[in-house]
Amino acid sequence: MSLWHWIVLACAVAFATKWLGYAIPARFLQNPRMTHIAACMTVALLSALTVMNTLAEGSRLVLDARLAALVVAAVALWLRAPFLLVVVLGAASAALLRWLGH
């Protein structure tokens, strides 16, 4: 199959998934257990995405300035810094480490 066939198939699957979401009864979605599961899945998926973008380069594990930026951002979040400051501190720490590394 060509790339376009895979793209069309992915679009069809996404549409079917979204359409099936409307077919689920509201009482099922308003269940407190379902709300808790959805919240946990969101956190787990975001965490996995963050780890993969921080530690992976292709199919290998890489420890570089991105890891330091994540640690600095995590500490800033733990200290309850404003989100914009968290982003700036993380970016600045990565930039500084990359600059010192060259």
C-alpha atoms as a PDB file:
ATOM      1  CA  MET A   1       0.000   0.000   0.000  1.00  0.00           C
ATOM      2  CA  SER A   2       1.161   3.505  -0.725  1.00  0.00           C
ATOM      3  CA  LEU A   3       1.571   6.257   1.837  1.00  0.00           C
ATOM      4  CA  TRP A   4      -1.713   7.862   0.767  1.00  0.00           C
ATOM      5  CA  HIS A   5      -3.604   4.642   1.446  1.00  0.00           C
ATOM      6  CA  TRP A   6      -2.229   4.597   4.993  1.00  0.00           C
ATOM      7  CA  ILE A   7      -3.141   8.268   5.465  1.00  0.00           C
ATOM      8  CA  VAL A   8      -6.719   7.685   4.286  1.00  0.00           C
ATOM      9  CA  LEU A   9      -6.975   4.603   6.530  1.00  0.00           C
ATOM     10  CA  ALA A  10      -5.721   6.593   9.531  1.00  0.00           C
ATOM     11  CA  CYS A  11      -8.276   9.321   8.794  1.00  0.00           C
ATOM     12  CA  ALA A  12     -11.065   6.748   8.579  1.00  0.00           C
ATOM     13  CA  VAL A  13     -10.037   5.171  11.893  1.00  0.00           C
ATOM     14  CA  ALA A  14      -9.894   8.595  13.566  1.00  0.00           C
ATOM     15  CA  PHE A  15     -13.333   9.471  12.210  1.00  0.00           C
ATOM     16  CA  ALA A  16     -14.816   6.132  13.310  1.00  0.00           C
ATOM     17  CA  THR A  17     -13.348   6.516  16.791  1.00  0.00           C
ATOM     18  CA  LYS A  18     -14.781   9.999  17.142  1.00  0.00           C
ATOM     19  CA  TRP A  19     -18.147   8.872  15.783  1.00  0.00           C
ATOM     20  CA  LEU A  20     -18.285   5.954  18.226  1.00  0.00           C
ATOM     21  CA  GLY A  21     -17.645   8.407  21.051  1.00  0.00           C
ATOM     22  CA  TYR A  22     -20.978  10.063  20.288  1.00  0.00           C
ATOM     23  CA  ALA A  23     -22.729   6.679  20.331  1.00  0.00           C
ATOM     24  CA  ILE A  24     -21.751   5.935  23.942  1.00  0.00           C
ATOM     25  CA  PRO A  25     -24.576   6.730  26.379  1.00  0.00           C
ATOM     26  CA  ALA A  26     -24.039   9.858  28.500  1.00  0.00           C
ATOM     27  CA  ARG A  27     -24.656   7.965  31.757  1.00  0.00           C
ATOM     28  CA  PHE A  28     -21.598   5.821  31.000  1.00  0.00           C
ATOM     29  CA  LEU A  29     -19.364   8.849  30.408  1.00  0.00           C
ATOM     30  CA  GLN A  30     -20.634  10.700  33.509  1.00  0.00           C
ATOM     31  CA  ASN A  31     -19.653   7.813  35.765  1.00  0.00           C
ATOM     32  CA  PRO A  32     -17.047   9.024  38.331  1.00  0.00           C
ATOM     33  CA  ARG A  33     -14.871   5.978  37.627  1.00  0.00           C
ATOM     34  CA  MET A  34     -14.779   6.811  33.895  1.00  0.00           C
ATOM     35  CA  THR A  35     -13.846  10.419  34.669  1.00  0.00           C
ATOM     36  CA  HIS A  36     -11.007   9.205  36.894  1.00  0.00           C
ATOM     37  CA  ILE A  37      -9.765   6.761  34.237  1.00  0.00           C
ATOM     38  CA  ALA A  38      -9.811   9.474  31.558  1.00  0.00           C
ATOM     39  CA  ALA A  39      -7.846  11.839  33.811  1.00  0.00           C
ATOM     40  CA  CYS A  40      -5.255   9.152  34.584  1.00  0.00           C
ATOM     41  CA  MET A  41      -4.868   8.238  30.914  1.00  0.00           C
ATOM     42  CA  THR A  42      -4.275  11.877  30.007  1.00  0.00           C
ATOM     43  CA  VAL A  43      -1.503  12.214  32.596  1.00  0.00           C
ATOM     44  CA  ALA A  44       0.059   8.886  31.575  1.00  0.00           C
ATOM     45  CA  LEU A  45       0.082   9.736  27.862  1.00  0.00           C
ATOM     46  CA  LEU A  46       1.526  13.201  28.468  1.00  0.00           C
ATOM     47  CA  SER A  47       4.203  11.728  30.740  1.00  0.00           C
ATOM     48  CA  ALA A  48       5.145   9.125  28.141  1.00  0.00           C
ATOM     49  CA  LEU A  49       5.359  11.776  25.440  1.00  0.00           C
ATOM     50  CA  THR A  50       7.567  13.944  27.647  1.00  0.00           C
ATOM     51  CA  VAL A  51       9.929  11.081  28.480  1.00  0.00           C
ATOM     52  CA  MET A  52      10.192   9.962  24.859  1.00  0.00           C
ATOM     53  CA  ASN A  53      10.924  13.495  23.641  1.00  0.00           C
ATOM     54  CA  THR A  54      13.477  14.005  26.412  1.00  0.00           C
ATOM     55  CA  LEU A  55      15.402  10.740  26.422  1.00  0.00           C
ATOM     56  CA  ALA A  56      15.042   9.254  22.945  1.00  0.00           C
ATOM     57  CA  GLU A  57      16.747  10.061  19.695  1.00  0.00           C
ATOM     58  CA  GLY A  58      15.506   7.672  17.059  1.00  0.00           C
ATOM     59  CA  SER A  59      15.722   4.238  18.624  1.00  0.00           C
ATOM     60  CA  ARG A  60      18.469   4.979  21.130  1.00  0.00           C
ATOM     61  CA  LEU A  61      18.630   6.468  24.608  1.00  0.00           C
ATOM     62  CA  VAL A  62      20.334   9.865  24.842  1.00  0.00           C
ATOM     63  CA  LEU A  63      21.218  11.834  27.970  1.00  0.00           C
ATOM     64  CA  ASP A  64      21.829  15.434  26.972  1.00  0.00           C
ATOM     65  CA  ALA A  65      20.725  18.996  27.741  1.00  0.00           C
ATOM     66  CA  ARG A  66      17.071  18.048  27.312  1.00  0.00           C
ATOM     67  CA  LEU A  67      17.203  15.942  30.473  1.00  0.00           C
ATOM     68  CA  ALA A  68      18.708  18.826  32.448  1.00  0.00           C
ATOM     69  CA  ALA A  69      16.009  21.142  31.095  1.00  0.00           C
ATOM     70  CA  LEU A  70      13.322  18.702  32.224  1.00  0.00           C
ATOM     71  CA  VAL A  71      14.847  18.470  35.707  1.00  0.00           C
ATOM     72  CA  VAL A  72      15.071  22.276  36.005  1.00  0.00           C
ATOM     73  CA  ALA A  73      11.471  22.636  34.828  1.00  0.00           C
ATOM     74  CA  ALA A  74      10.302  19.935  37.267  1.00  0.00           C
ATOM     75  CA  VAL A  75      12.014  21.693  40.174  1.00  0.00           C
ATOM     76  CA  ALA A  76      10.476  25.012  39.129  1.00  0.00           C
ATOM     77  CA  LEU A  77       7.036  23.359  39.005  1.00  0.00           C
ATOM     78  CA  TRP A  78       7.635  21.784  42.401  1.00  0.00           C
ATOM     79  CA  LEU A  79       8.451  25.254  43.757  1.00  0.00           C
ATOM     80  CA  ARG A  80       5.161  26.455  42.218  1.00  0.00           C
ATOM     81  CA  ALA A  81       6.732  28.868  39.751  1.00  0.00           C
ATOM     82  CA  PRO A  82       4.439  30.377  37.084  1.00  0.00           C
ATOM     83  CA  PHE A  83       4.235  28.235  33.964  1.00  0.00           C
ATOM     84  CA  LEU A  84       5.911  30.826  31.714  1.00  0.00           C
ATOM     85  CA  LEU A  85       8.855  30.970  34.112  1.00  0.00           C
ATOM     86  CA  VAL A  86       9.048  27.157  34.083  1.00  0.00           C
ATOM     87  CA  VAL A  87       9.316  27.169  30.299  1.00  0.00           C
ATOM     88  CA  VAL A  88      11.910  29.958  30.259  1.00  0.00           C
ATOM     89  CA  LEU A  89      14.037  28.276  32.943  1.00  0.00           C
ATOM     90  CA  GLY A  90      13.948  24.947  31.132  1.00  0.00           C
ATOM     91  CA  ALA A  91      14.865  26.507  27.799  1.00  0.00           C
ATOM     92  CA  ALA A  92      17.595  28.640  29.347  1.00  0.00           C
ATOM     93  CA  SER A  93      19.166  25.667  31.124  1.00  0.00           C
ATOM     94  CA  ALA A  94      19.211  23.623  27.896  1.00  0.00           C
ATOM     95  CA  ALA A  95      20.668  26.534  25.955  1.00  0.00           C
ATOM     96  CA  LEU A  96      23.334  27.142  28.593  1.00  0.00           C
ATOM     97  CA  LEU A  97      24.385  23.485  28.687  1.00  0.00           C
ATOM     98  CA  ARG A  98      24.526  23.285  24.910  1.00  0.00           C
ATOM     99  CA  TRP A  99      26.535  26.504  24.753  1.00  0.00           C
ATOM    100  CA  LEU A 100      28.988  25.240  27.391  1.00  0.00           C
ATOM    101  CA  GLY A 101      29.278  21.927  25.556  1.00  0.00           C
ATOM    102  CA  HIS A 102      30.554  23.496  22.329  1.00  0.00           C
END
